[in-house]
N, C-alpha and C. Protein backbone atom coordinates (compact mmCIF):
# COMPACT_ATOMS: atom_id res chain seq x y z
N UNK A 1 -30.78 20.73 -3.23
CA UNK A 1 -29.48 20.32 -2.68
C UNK A 1 -28.45 20.28 -3.80
N UNK A 2 -27.30 20.94 -3.58
CA UNK A 2 -26.26 20.97 -4.61
C UNK A 2 -25.46 19.66 -4.60
N UNK A 3 -24.76 19.42 -5.71
CA UNK A 3 -23.93 18.22 -5.81
C UNK A 3 -22.65 18.37 -4.99
N UNK A 4 -22.21 17.26 -4.42
CA UNK A 4 -20.85 17.19 -3.87
C UNK A 4 -20.00 16.58 -4.98
N UNK A 5 -18.96 17.29 -5.39
CA UNK A 5 -18.15 16.84 -6.53
C UNK A 5 -16.80 16.30 -6.06
N UNK A 6 -16.47 15.11 -6.55
CA UNK A 6 -15.20 14.44 -6.23
C UNK A 6 -14.27 14.50 -7.44
N UNK A 7 -13.03 14.90 -7.23
CA UNK A 7 -11.99 14.80 -8.27
C UNK A 7 -11.04 13.69 -7.85
N UNK A 8 -10.89 12.69 -8.71
CA UNK A 8 -10.05 11.53 -8.38
C UNK A 8 -8.87 11.43 -9.34
N UNK A 9 -7.70 11.14 -8.78
CA UNK A 9 -6.52 10.94 -9.62
C UNK A 9 -6.70 9.67 -10.44
N UNK A 10 -6.53 9.77 -11.76
CA UNK A 10 -6.74 8.64 -12.67
C UNK A 10 -5.89 7.43 -12.29
N UNK A 11 -6.40 6.25 -12.63
CA UNK A 11 -5.63 5.02 -12.44
C UNK A 11 -5.98 4.29 -11.16
N UNK A 12 -4.95 3.70 -10.55
CA UNK A 12 -5.14 2.83 -9.39
C UNK A 12 -5.79 3.55 -8.22
N UNK A 13 -5.39 4.80 -7.98
CA UNK A 13 -5.95 5.55 -6.85
C UNK A 13 -7.45 5.74 -7.00
N UNK A 14 -7.91 6.04 -8.23
CA UNK A 14 -9.34 6.22 -8.48
C UNK A 14 -10.11 4.93 -8.20
N UNK A 15 -9.56 3.80 -8.68
CA UNK A 15 -10.22 2.50 -8.47
C UNK A 15 -10.33 2.18 -6.98
N UNK A 16 -9.22 2.39 -6.26
CA UNK A 16 -9.23 2.08 -4.83
C UNK A 16 -10.14 3.04 -4.06
N UNK A 17 -10.20 4.29 -4.51
CA UNK A 17 -11.07 5.27 -3.86
C UNK A 17 -12.54 4.90 -4.05
N UNK A 18 -12.91 4.53 -5.28
CA UNK A 18 -14.30 4.16 -5.54
C UNK A 18 -14.69 2.89 -4.77
N UNK A 19 -13.74 1.96 -4.63
CA UNK A 19 -14.00 0.75 -3.85
C UNK A 19 -14.26 1.10 -2.39
N UNK A 20 -13.49 2.06 -1.88
CA UNK A 20 -13.66 2.51 -0.49
C UNK A 20 -14.99 3.26 -0.33
N UNK A 21 -15.28 4.14 -1.27
CA UNK A 21 -16.54 4.90 -1.19
C UNK A 21 -17.76 3.99 -1.27
N UNK A 22 -17.67 2.94 -2.09
CA UNK A 22 -18.81 2.02 -2.22
C UNK A 22 -19.10 1.31 -0.89
N UNK A 23 -18.05 1.13 -0.08
CA UNK A 23 -18.24 0.49 1.22
C UNK A 23 -19.05 1.37 2.18
N UNK A 24 -19.03 2.68 1.94
CA UNK A 24 -19.81 3.57 2.81
C UNK A 24 -21.09 4.05 2.09
N UNK A 25 -21.43 3.35 0.99
CA UNK A 25 -22.70 3.62 0.32
C UNK A 25 -22.66 4.69 -0.76
N UNK A 26 -21.45 5.10 -1.16
CA UNK A 26 -21.34 6.10 -2.24
C UNK A 26 -20.78 5.40 -3.48
N UNK A 27 -21.60 5.30 -4.52
CA UNK A 27 -21.13 4.64 -5.74
C UNK A 27 -21.61 5.41 -6.97
N UNK A 28 -21.15 4.96 -8.13
CA UNK A 28 -21.56 5.62 -9.37
C UNK A 28 -21.51 4.61 -10.51
N UNK A 29 -22.69 4.14 -10.89
CA UNK A 29 -22.78 3.11 -11.95
C UNK A 29 -22.19 3.59 -13.27
N UNK A 30 -22.37 4.86 -13.59
CA UNK A 30 -21.86 5.42 -14.85
C UNK A 30 -20.36 5.20 -15.02
N UNK A 31 -19.63 5.20 -13.91
CA UNK A 31 -18.18 5.05 -13.97
C UNK A 31 -17.75 3.64 -14.32
N UNK A 32 -18.65 2.69 -14.16
CA UNK A 32 -18.31 1.29 -14.42
C UNK A 32 -18.39 0.94 -15.91
N UNK A 33 -18.95 1.83 -16.70
CA UNK A 33 -19.04 1.62 -18.15
C UNK A 33 -17.70 1.98 -18.80
N UNK A 34 -16.96 0.95 -19.19
CA UNK A 34 -15.60 1.15 -19.73
C UNK A 34 -15.62 1.77 -21.13
N UNK A 35 -16.77 1.75 -21.80
CA UNK A 35 -16.83 2.28 -23.18
C UNK A 35 -17.23 3.76 -23.22
N UNK A 36 -17.67 4.29 -22.09
CA UNK A 36 -18.16 5.67 -22.08
C UNK A 36 -17.05 6.68 -22.35
N UNK A 37 -17.44 7.77 -23.00
CA UNK A 37 -16.50 8.87 -23.24
C UNK A 37 -16.86 10.08 -22.38
N UNK A 38 -17.77 9.85 -21.45
CA UNK A 38 -18.18 10.94 -20.55
C UNK A 38 -17.02 11.37 -19.66
N UNK A 39 -17.02 12.62 -19.30
CA UNK A 39 -15.97 13.15 -18.42
C UNK A 39 -16.49 13.40 -17.01
N UNK A 40 -17.80 13.60 -16.90
CA UNK A 40 -18.40 13.87 -15.59
C UNK A 40 -19.47 12.81 -15.31
N UNK A 41 -19.33 12.14 -14.18
CA UNK A 41 -20.24 11.04 -13.83
C UNK A 41 -21.10 11.46 -12.65
N UNK A 42 -22.39 11.11 -12.71
CA UNK A 42 -23.34 11.61 -11.72
C UNK A 42 -24.12 10.48 -11.05
N UNK A 43 -24.30 10.60 -9.75
CA UNK A 43 -25.27 9.78 -9.03
C UNK A 43 -26.34 10.74 -8.53
N UNK A 44 -27.46 10.80 -9.26
CA UNK A 44 -28.54 11.76 -8.97
C UNK A 44 -29.14 11.53 -7.58
N UNK A 45 -29.27 10.27 -7.22
CA UNK A 45 -29.90 9.92 -5.95
C UNK A 45 -29.11 10.48 -4.77
N UNK A 46 -27.78 10.33 -4.84
CA UNK A 46 -26.93 10.79 -3.74
C UNK A 46 -26.50 12.25 -3.90
N UNK A 47 -26.84 12.84 -5.05
CA UNK A 47 -26.40 14.19 -5.38
C UNK A 47 -24.86 14.31 -5.29
N UNK A 48 -24.21 13.33 -5.96
CA UNK A 48 -22.74 13.32 -6.03
C UNK A 48 -22.29 13.31 -7.49
N UNK A 49 -21.20 13.99 -7.77
CA UNK A 49 -20.59 13.98 -9.10
C UNK A 49 -19.14 13.54 -8.95
N UNK A 50 -18.63 12.89 -9.99
CA UNK A 50 -17.25 12.41 -9.97
C UNK A 50 -16.58 12.73 -11.31
N UNK A 51 -15.30 13.08 -11.26
CA UNK A 51 -14.53 13.13 -12.50
C UNK A 51 -13.09 12.70 -12.23
N UNK A 52 -12.46 12.19 -13.28
CA UNK A 52 -11.08 11.73 -13.20
C UNK A 52 -10.18 12.80 -13.77
N UNK A 53 -9.03 12.99 -13.14
CA UNK A 53 -8.09 14.00 -13.61
C UNK A 53 -6.67 13.49 -13.41
N UNK A 54 -5.72 14.10 -14.11
CA UNK A 54 -4.31 13.78 -13.87
C UNK A 54 -3.99 14.20 -12.44
N UNK A 55 -3.19 13.38 -11.76
CA UNK A 55 -2.86 13.63 -10.36
C UNK A 55 -2.53 15.09 -10.02
N UNK A 56 -1.58 15.71 -10.74
CA UNK A 56 -1.19 17.09 -10.39
C UNK A 56 -2.33 18.12 -10.54
N UNK A 57 -3.37 17.77 -11.31
CA UNK A 57 -4.48 18.71 -11.50
C UNK A 57 -5.53 18.63 -10.38
N UNK A 58 -5.54 17.52 -9.66
CA UNK A 58 -6.58 17.32 -8.63
C UNK A 58 -6.57 18.44 -7.57
N UNK A 59 -5.40 18.78 -6.97
CA UNK A 59 -5.41 19.86 -5.98
C UNK A 59 -5.84 21.21 -6.56
N UNK A 60 -5.59 21.42 -7.86
CA UNK A 60 -6.00 22.66 -8.52
C UNK A 60 -7.52 22.74 -8.60
N UNK A 61 -8.15 21.64 -9.04
CA UNK A 61 -9.62 21.59 -9.10
C UNK A 61 -10.22 21.84 -7.71
N UNK A 62 -9.59 21.28 -6.69
CA UNK A 62 -10.13 21.42 -5.33
C UNK A 62 -9.91 22.84 -4.80
N UNK A 63 -8.72 23.39 -5.01
CA UNK A 63 -8.46 24.75 -4.51
C UNK A 63 -9.45 25.76 -5.09
N UNK A 64 -9.73 25.64 -6.39
CA UNK A 64 -10.59 26.61 -7.06
C UNK A 64 -12.09 26.29 -6.96
N UNK A 65 -12.41 25.19 -6.25
CA UNK A 65 -13.83 24.90 -5.99
C UNK A 65 -14.55 24.17 -7.10
N UNK A 66 -13.82 23.74 -8.15
CA UNK A 66 -14.45 22.94 -9.20
C UNK A 66 -14.77 21.55 -8.66
N UNK A 67 -14.05 21.14 -7.62
CA UNK A 67 -14.35 19.91 -6.88
C UNK A 67 -14.37 20.25 -5.40
N UNK A 68 -15.29 19.61 -4.68
CA UNK A 68 -15.36 19.82 -3.23
C UNK A 68 -14.34 18.94 -2.53
N UNK A 69 -14.20 17.72 -3.04
CA UNK A 69 -13.33 16.71 -2.42
C UNK A 69 -12.40 16.16 -3.49
N UNK A 70 -11.15 15.92 -3.13
CA UNK A 70 -10.20 15.30 -4.06
C UNK A 70 -9.48 14.16 -3.38
N UNK A 71 -9.04 13.19 -4.17
CA UNK A 71 -8.20 12.11 -3.65
C UNK A 71 -6.98 12.01 -4.54
N UNK A 72 -5.80 12.15 -3.91
CA UNK A 72 -4.55 12.19 -4.67
C UNK A 72 -3.40 11.80 -3.74
N UNK A 73 -2.25 11.47 -4.31
CA UNK A 73 -1.08 11.09 -3.50
C UNK A 73 -0.50 12.26 -2.73
N UNK A 74 0.08 11.97 -1.59
CA UNK A 74 0.71 13.01 -0.75
C UNK A 74 1.83 13.72 -1.51
N UNK A 75 2.53 13.00 -2.39
CA UNK A 75 3.59 13.61 -3.19
C UNK A 75 3.05 14.77 -4.03
N UNK A 76 1.88 14.57 -4.62
CA UNK A 76 1.26 15.60 -5.45
C UNK A 76 0.83 16.79 -4.60
N UNK A 77 0.29 16.52 -3.42
CA UNK A 77 -0.13 17.60 -2.52
C UNK A 77 1.07 18.47 -2.15
N UNK A 78 2.19 17.82 -1.82
CA UNK A 78 3.40 18.57 -1.44
C UNK A 78 3.95 19.36 -2.62
N UNK A 79 3.98 18.73 -3.78
CA UNK A 79 4.58 19.37 -4.96
C UNK A 79 3.73 20.52 -5.49
N UNK A 80 2.40 20.33 -5.50
CA UNK A 80 1.52 21.36 -6.05
C UNK A 80 1.28 22.50 -5.06
N UNK A 81 1.32 22.17 -3.76
CA UNK A 81 1.22 23.19 -2.70
C UNK A 81 0.00 24.11 -2.87
N UNK A 82 -1.17 23.50 -3.06
CA UNK A 82 -2.41 24.27 -3.24
C UNK A 82 -3.10 24.52 -1.90
N UNK A 83 -3.96 25.51 -1.87
CA UNK A 83 -4.67 25.86 -0.64
C UNK A 83 -5.91 24.97 -0.48
N UNK A 84 -5.74 23.87 0.22
CA UNK A 84 -6.84 22.92 0.48
C UNK A 84 -6.65 22.39 1.90
N UNK A 85 -7.71 21.79 2.43
CA UNK A 85 -7.58 21.08 3.70
C UNK A 85 -7.25 19.62 3.41
N UNK A 86 -6.19 19.11 4.01
CA UNK A 86 -5.91 17.67 3.92
C UNK A 86 -6.57 17.02 5.13
N UNK A 87 -7.59 16.19 4.89
CA UNK A 87 -8.42 15.72 6.00
C UNK A 87 -8.23 14.26 6.38
N UNK A 88 -7.75 13.44 5.45
CA UNK A 88 -7.64 12.00 5.74
C UNK A 88 -6.47 11.34 5.02
N UNK A 89 -5.78 10.47 5.74
CA UNK A 89 -4.82 9.55 5.11
C UNK A 89 -5.61 8.27 4.84
N UNK A 90 -5.79 7.94 3.56
CA UNK A 90 -6.63 6.78 3.20
C UNK A 90 -5.90 5.44 3.33
N UNK A 91 -4.58 5.51 3.52
CA UNK A 91 -3.84 4.29 3.85
C UNK A 91 -3.47 3.39 2.69
N UNK A 92 -3.92 3.72 1.45
CA UNK A 92 -3.48 2.90 0.31
C UNK A 92 -2.55 3.73 -0.58
N UNK A 93 -1.97 3.07 -1.58
CA UNK A 93 -0.99 3.76 -2.43
C UNK A 93 0.26 4.11 -1.66
N UNK A 94 0.61 3.26 -0.69
CA UNK A 94 1.77 3.57 0.17
C UNK A 94 3.10 3.40 -0.55
N UNK A 95 3.97 4.38 -0.38
CA UNK A 95 5.34 4.32 -0.90
C UNK A 95 6.15 5.38 -0.17
N UNK A 96 7.37 5.64 -0.66
CA UNK A 96 8.23 6.62 0.03
C UNK A 96 8.85 7.56 -1.00
N UNK A 97 9.07 8.80 -0.59
CA UNK A 97 9.86 9.72 -1.40
C UNK A 97 11.29 9.62 -0.85
N UNK A 98 12.25 9.33 -1.73
CA UNK A 98 13.61 9.07 -1.27
C UNK A 98 14.66 9.78 -2.12
N UNK A 99 15.81 9.97 -1.51
CA UNK A 99 17.01 10.38 -2.26
C UNK A 99 17.72 9.08 -2.62
N UNK A 100 17.95 8.86 -3.90
CA UNK A 100 18.56 7.62 -4.37
C UNK A 100 19.76 7.92 -5.25
N UNK A 101 20.64 6.96 -5.34
CA UNK A 101 21.82 7.13 -6.20
C UNK A 101 22.77 5.97 -6.03
N UNK A 102 23.94 6.05 -6.67
CA UNK A 102 24.94 5.00 -6.47
C UNK A 102 25.50 5.08 -5.05
N UNK A 103 26.07 3.99 -4.57
CA UNK A 103 26.58 3.92 -3.19
C UNK A 103 27.56 5.04 -2.88
N UNK A 104 28.42 5.37 -3.85
CA UNK A 104 29.46 6.38 -3.57
C UNK A 104 28.90 7.80 -3.41
N UNK A 105 27.63 8.01 -3.75
CA UNK A 105 27.03 9.34 -3.57
C UNK A 105 26.69 9.61 -2.11
N UNK A 106 26.73 8.55 -1.29
CA UNK A 106 26.42 8.67 0.14
C UNK A 106 27.32 9.70 0.82
N UNK A 107 28.61 9.67 0.46
CA UNK A 107 29.59 10.59 1.06
C UNK A 107 29.27 12.04 0.73
N UNK A 108 28.80 12.28 -0.51
CA UNK A 108 28.47 13.64 -0.93
C UNK A 108 27.31 14.20 -0.10
N UNK A 109 26.39 13.30 0.26
CA UNK A 109 25.24 13.71 1.07
C UNK A 109 25.66 13.99 2.51
N UNK A 110 26.57 13.18 3.01
CA UNK A 110 27.03 13.34 4.40
C UNK A 110 27.79 14.64 4.60
N UNK A 111 28.59 15.00 3.60
CA UNK A 111 29.46 16.17 3.75
C UNK A 111 28.86 17.46 3.19
N UNK A 112 27.55 17.39 2.85
CA UNK A 112 26.83 18.58 2.39
C UNK A 112 27.52 19.26 1.20
N UNK A 113 28.05 18.45 0.31
CA UNK A 113 28.71 19.01 -0.86
C UNK A 113 27.68 19.53 -1.87
N UNK A 114 28.12 20.43 -2.74
CA UNK A 114 27.27 20.95 -3.81
C UNK A 114 27.09 19.82 -4.83
N UNK A 115 25.88 19.33 -4.97
CA UNK A 115 25.63 18.22 -5.89
C UNK A 115 24.46 18.53 -6.82
N UNK A 116 24.36 17.76 -7.87
CA UNK A 116 23.24 17.87 -8.81
C UNK A 116 22.19 16.82 -8.45
N UNK A 117 20.92 17.27 -8.39
CA UNK A 117 19.81 16.39 -8.02
C UNK A 117 18.77 16.42 -9.14
N UNK A 118 18.51 15.27 -9.75
CA UNK A 118 17.49 15.18 -10.79
C UNK A 118 16.19 14.67 -10.17
N UNK A 119 15.05 15.25 -10.60
CA UNK A 119 13.78 14.86 -9.99
C UNK A 119 12.58 15.35 -10.81
N UNK A 120 11.47 14.65 -10.63
CA UNK A 120 10.18 15.13 -11.17
C UNK A 120 9.51 16.05 -10.14
N UNK A 121 10.11 16.13 -8.95
CA UNK A 121 9.50 16.85 -7.83
C UNK A 121 10.43 17.94 -7.31
N UNK A 122 10.66 19.00 -8.10
CA UNK A 122 11.62 20.03 -7.68
C UNK A 122 11.27 20.74 -6.37
N UNK A 123 9.98 20.94 -6.11
CA UNK A 123 9.58 21.64 -4.88
C UNK A 123 9.89 20.79 -3.65
N UNK A 124 9.55 19.49 -3.73
CA UNK A 124 9.83 18.59 -2.62
C UNK A 124 11.34 18.47 -2.39
N UNK A 125 12.08 18.33 -3.49
CA UNK A 125 13.54 18.20 -3.40
C UNK A 125 14.17 19.46 -2.79
N UNK A 126 13.71 20.62 -3.25
CA UNK A 126 14.25 21.89 -2.74
C UNK A 126 13.96 22.04 -1.26
N UNK A 127 12.74 21.74 -0.86
CA UNK A 127 12.36 21.85 0.55
C UNK A 127 13.22 20.92 1.41
N UNK A 128 13.45 19.70 0.92
CA UNK A 128 14.22 18.73 1.70
C UNK A 128 15.68 19.18 1.85
N UNK A 129 16.31 19.52 0.74
CA UNK A 129 17.73 19.86 0.80
C UNK A 129 17.98 21.23 1.44
N UNK A 130 17.16 22.20 1.12
CA UNK A 130 17.41 23.56 1.62
C UNK A 130 16.92 23.76 3.05
N UNK A 131 15.71 23.26 3.34
CA UNK A 131 15.12 23.55 4.66
C UNK A 131 15.36 22.49 5.72
N UNK A 132 15.51 21.21 5.29
CA UNK A 132 15.73 20.14 6.29
C UNK A 132 17.21 19.81 6.44
N UNK A 133 17.92 19.71 5.30
CA UNK A 133 19.34 19.33 5.36
C UNK A 133 20.28 20.53 5.34
N UNK A 134 19.74 21.69 4.94
CA UNK A 134 20.55 22.90 4.80
C UNK A 134 21.77 22.65 3.90
N UNK A 135 21.48 22.02 2.77
CA UNK A 135 22.52 21.70 1.79
C UNK A 135 22.15 22.36 0.46
N UNK A 136 23.08 23.11 -0.10
CA UNK A 136 22.84 23.77 -1.38
C UNK A 136 23.06 22.77 -2.51
N UNK A 137 22.05 22.65 -3.37
CA UNK A 137 22.14 21.69 -4.48
C UNK A 137 21.64 22.34 -5.77
N UNK A 138 22.01 21.73 -6.87
CA UNK A 138 21.53 22.17 -8.19
C UNK A 138 20.42 21.19 -8.59
N UNK A 139 19.17 21.66 -8.63
CA UNK A 139 18.03 20.78 -8.91
C UNK A 139 17.69 20.81 -10.40
N UNK A 140 17.65 19.64 -11.01
CA UNK A 140 17.36 19.50 -12.43
C UNK A 140 16.01 18.82 -12.59
N UNK A 141 15.06 19.51 -13.21
CA UNK A 141 13.70 18.96 -13.39
C UNK A 141 13.67 18.03 -14.60
N UNK A 142 13.18 16.82 -14.37
CA UNK A 142 12.99 15.84 -15.45
C UNK A 142 11.53 15.38 -15.45
N UNK A 143 11.08 14.87 -16.59
CA UNK A 143 9.71 14.36 -16.68
C UNK A 143 9.65 12.85 -16.87
N UNK A 144 10.74 12.26 -17.34
CA UNK A 144 10.76 10.82 -17.63
C UNK A 144 11.42 10.01 -16.54
N UNK A 145 12.09 8.92 -16.95
CA UNK A 145 12.75 8.02 -15.99
C UNK A 145 13.95 8.69 -15.35
N UNK A 146 13.76 9.17 -14.13
CA UNK A 146 14.85 9.90 -13.46
C UNK A 146 16.02 9.00 -13.09
N UNK A 147 15.77 7.68 -13.00
CA UNK A 147 16.86 6.74 -12.66
C UNK A 147 18.02 6.84 -13.65
N UNK A 148 17.71 7.28 -14.86
CA UNK A 148 18.73 7.40 -15.89
C UNK A 148 19.76 8.48 -15.58
N UNK A 149 19.33 9.53 -14.87
CA UNK A 149 20.17 10.72 -14.66
C UNK A 149 21.55 10.42 -14.03
N UNK A 150 21.62 9.69 -12.90
CA UNK A 150 22.95 9.41 -12.34
C UNK A 150 23.76 8.41 -13.17
N UNK A 151 23.05 7.56 -13.91
CA UNK A 151 23.74 6.55 -14.73
C UNK A 151 24.51 7.21 -15.87
N UNK A 152 23.92 8.24 -16.47
CA UNK A 152 24.58 8.91 -17.62
C UNK A 152 25.34 10.17 -17.19
N UNK A 153 25.38 10.44 -15.89
CA UNK A 153 26.18 11.56 -15.40
C UNK A 153 25.48 12.91 -15.38
N UNK A 154 24.17 12.93 -15.56
CA UNK A 154 23.45 14.20 -15.50
C UNK A 154 23.37 14.71 -14.06
N UNK A 155 23.23 13.79 -13.11
CA UNK A 155 23.12 14.18 -11.69
C UNK A 155 23.89 13.20 -10.82
N UNK A 156 24.15 13.62 -9.59
CA UNK A 156 24.79 12.73 -8.60
C UNK A 156 23.76 11.81 -7.97
N UNK A 157 22.57 12.39 -7.67
CA UNK A 157 21.49 11.62 -7.04
C UNK A 157 20.16 12.02 -7.66
N UNK A 158 19.11 11.29 -7.28
CA UNK A 158 17.75 11.63 -7.71
C UNK A 158 16.85 11.71 -6.47
N UNK A 159 15.75 12.42 -6.59
CA UNK A 159 14.68 12.38 -5.58
C UNK A 159 13.46 11.84 -6.30
N UNK A 160 12.98 10.68 -5.84
CA UNK A 160 11.89 10.03 -6.56
C UNK A 160 11.09 9.14 -5.61
N UNK A 161 9.93 8.69 -6.11
CA UNK A 161 9.08 7.77 -5.36
C UNK A 161 9.66 6.36 -5.45
N UNK A 162 9.71 5.69 -4.32
CA UNK A 162 10.18 4.30 -4.28
C UNK A 162 9.08 3.42 -3.70
N UNK A 163 8.71 2.38 -4.45
CA UNK A 163 7.75 1.40 -3.94
C UNK A 163 8.50 0.15 -3.48
N UNK A 164 9.03 -0.60 -4.44
CA UNK A 164 9.75 -1.83 -4.09
C UNK A 164 11.27 -1.65 -4.17
N UNK A 165 11.72 -0.70 -4.97
CA UNK A 165 13.17 -0.49 -5.13
C UNK A 165 13.81 -1.37 -6.18
N UNK A 166 12.99 -2.20 -6.87
CA UNK A 166 13.56 -3.13 -7.85
C UNK A 166 14.19 -2.41 -9.06
N UNK A 167 13.56 -1.33 -9.53
CA UNK A 167 14.13 -0.57 -10.65
C UNK A 167 15.48 0.03 -10.27
N UNK A 168 15.57 0.51 -9.03
CA UNK A 168 16.84 1.06 -8.55
C UNK A 168 17.92 0.00 -8.57
N UNK A 169 17.61 -1.15 -7.97
CA UNK A 169 18.61 -2.23 -7.87
C UNK A 169 19.08 -2.70 -9.24
N UNK A 170 18.14 -2.81 -10.17
CA UNK A 170 18.49 -3.26 -11.52
C UNK A 170 19.45 -2.30 -12.22
N UNK A 171 19.46 -1.06 -11.76
CA UNK A 171 20.31 -0.05 -12.40
C UNK A 171 21.45 0.43 -11.51
N UNK A 172 21.77 -0.39 -10.51
CA UNK A 172 22.93 -0.10 -9.66
C UNK A 172 22.74 1.08 -8.72
N UNK A 173 21.50 1.38 -8.40
CA UNK A 173 21.20 2.50 -7.49
C UNK A 173 20.56 1.98 -6.22
N UNK A 174 20.55 2.80 -5.18
CA UNK A 174 19.92 2.40 -3.92
C UNK A 174 19.35 3.61 -3.20
N UNK A 175 18.49 3.33 -2.21
CA UNK A 175 17.95 4.42 -1.38
C UNK A 175 19.05 4.88 -0.44
N UNK A 176 19.31 6.19 -0.47
CA UNK A 176 20.36 6.75 0.39
C UNK A 176 19.75 7.49 1.59
N UNK A 177 18.63 8.15 1.39
CA UNK A 177 17.93 8.85 2.47
C UNK A 177 16.43 8.85 2.19
N UNK A 178 15.63 8.80 3.24
CA UNK A 178 14.18 8.89 3.06
C UNK A 178 13.72 10.32 3.30
N UNK A 179 12.97 10.85 2.36
CA UNK A 179 12.46 12.23 2.48
C UNK A 179 11.17 12.23 3.30
N UNK A 180 10.20 11.39 2.89
CA UNK A 180 8.93 11.30 3.64
C UNK A 180 8.11 10.11 3.16
N UNK A 181 7.23 9.57 4.03
CA UNK A 181 6.32 8.50 3.61
C UNK A 181 5.17 9.10 2.79
N UNK A 182 4.64 8.32 1.87
CA UNK A 182 3.55 8.79 1.00
C UNK A 182 2.39 7.81 1.02
N UNK A 183 1.20 8.34 0.75
CA UNK A 183 0.00 7.50 0.57
C UNK A 183 -1.10 8.38 0.00
N UNK A 184 -2.23 7.78 -0.33
CA UNK A 184 -3.36 8.54 -0.87
C UNK A 184 -4.00 9.36 0.24
N UNK A 185 -4.31 10.61 -0.08
CA UNK A 185 -4.93 11.51 0.91
C UNK A 185 -6.21 12.11 0.35
N UNK A 186 -7.12 12.42 1.26
CA UNK A 186 -8.34 13.13 0.87
C UNK A 186 -8.17 14.60 1.20
N UNK A 187 -8.47 15.45 0.20
CA UNK A 187 -8.39 16.90 0.41
C UNK A 187 -9.76 17.52 0.16
N UNK A 188 -10.01 18.66 0.81
CA UNK A 188 -11.31 19.32 0.71
C UNK A 188 -11.12 20.81 0.43
N UNK A 189 -11.97 21.35 -0.42
CA UNK A 189 -11.98 22.77 -0.70
C UNK A 189 -12.35 23.53 0.58
N UNK A 190 -11.66 24.65 0.83
CA UNK A 190 -11.85 25.38 2.09
C UNK A 190 -13.26 25.95 2.24
N UNK A 191 -13.80 26.48 1.16
CA UNK A 191 -15.16 27.05 1.22
C UNK A 191 -16.20 25.94 1.38
N UNK A 192 -16.00 24.85 0.62
CA UNK A 192 -16.93 23.70 0.71
C UNK A 192 -16.99 23.14 2.13
N UNK A 193 -15.83 23.12 2.80
CA UNK A 193 -15.77 22.58 4.16
C UNK A 193 -16.66 23.41 5.09
N UNK A 194 -16.77 24.69 4.80
CA UNK A 194 -17.59 25.57 5.62
C UNK A 194 -19.07 25.49 5.20
N UNK A 195 -19.31 25.57 3.88
CA UNK A 195 -20.68 25.63 3.35
C UNK A 195 -21.41 24.28 3.41
N UNK A 196 -20.65 23.20 3.20
CA UNK A 196 -21.26 21.85 3.17
C UNK A 196 -20.69 20.99 4.30
N UNK A 197 -20.46 21.62 5.44
CA UNK A 197 -19.76 20.95 6.54
C UNK A 197 -20.42 19.63 6.93
N UNK A 198 -21.72 19.64 7.10
CA UNK A 198 -22.42 18.43 7.58
C UNK A 198 -22.25 17.26 6.62
N UNK A 199 -22.47 17.50 5.35
CA UNK A 199 -22.40 16.40 4.36
C UNK A 199 -20.96 15.89 4.20
N UNK A 200 -20.02 16.83 4.12
CA UNK A 200 -18.62 16.42 3.93
C UNK A 200 -18.09 15.74 5.19
N UNK A 201 -18.42 16.28 6.34
CA UNK A 201 -17.94 15.68 7.59
C UNK A 201 -18.52 14.28 7.78
N UNK A 202 -19.76 14.07 7.35
CA UNK A 202 -20.37 12.74 7.44
C UNK A 202 -19.58 11.74 6.60
N UNK A 203 -19.18 12.16 5.40
CA UNK A 203 -18.36 11.29 4.52
C UNK A 203 -17.03 10.97 5.20
N UNK A 204 -16.39 11.99 5.75
CA UNK A 204 -15.08 11.80 6.42
C UNK A 204 -15.22 10.82 7.59
N UNK A 205 -16.26 11.00 8.42
CA UNK A 205 -16.45 10.14 9.59
C UNK A 205 -16.73 8.69 9.20
N UNK A 206 -17.54 8.52 8.12
CA UNK A 206 -17.84 7.16 7.65
C UNK A 206 -16.57 6.47 7.13
N UNK A 207 -15.74 7.20 6.40
CA UNK A 207 -14.49 6.63 5.89
C UNK A 207 -13.55 6.29 7.04
N UNK A 208 -13.45 7.19 8.01
CA UNK A 208 -12.60 6.94 9.19
C UNK A 208 -13.01 5.64 9.87
N UNK A 209 -14.32 5.47 10.02
CA UNK A 209 -14.85 4.26 10.67
C UNK A 209 -14.51 3.03 9.85
N UNK A 210 -14.64 3.14 8.52
CA UNK A 210 -14.33 2.02 7.62
C UNK A 210 -12.86 1.64 7.67
N UNK A 211 -12.00 2.65 7.84
CA UNK A 211 -10.54 2.40 7.84
C UNK A 211 -10.04 1.91 9.20
N UNK A 212 -10.81 2.18 10.25
CA UNK A 212 -10.32 1.82 11.59
C UNK A 212 -10.42 0.33 11.88
């Protein structure tokens, strides 16, 4: 029997995913060792393997079959746009993708004016403005704190993830429009879904039951 390999986004999502998997009887003692420098963790008994990866890399590992199953945020799935099956909304890591900016930027959005949009998520931003709002915008890709962009005049608005909105408020910004809700999702490699259908489907059904 071959291993079922899980790719998990590092950090909070990985911890919450392992907590959920342990409830359905899938665990990995090796991962609990905080001093280990191992990159691949194995549960021989269950024939499962696990590894941690940066969020944006998880859909890549899954698309190319290096992982059968991945768990990552919906924002990453949309931005990376990889060929995988999205099979489950796990219900944790909830937040929103929003257009944010100073109050006076609201008018620019209403009148479909040509504006500058700073974001870490250019694909999501482009899809929202071009395909949903039919508004032509200049998208500026940033890697750091995008909230800074409208404050220093680099952009009129930003497209970013909002959890509580406290960082926005502290910097005189607010949510102007909601792009989409986000949460942790389970994705599956297309070939794995066919070749290992019974084992993977059993995992999906057990998680569904646990979440219901």
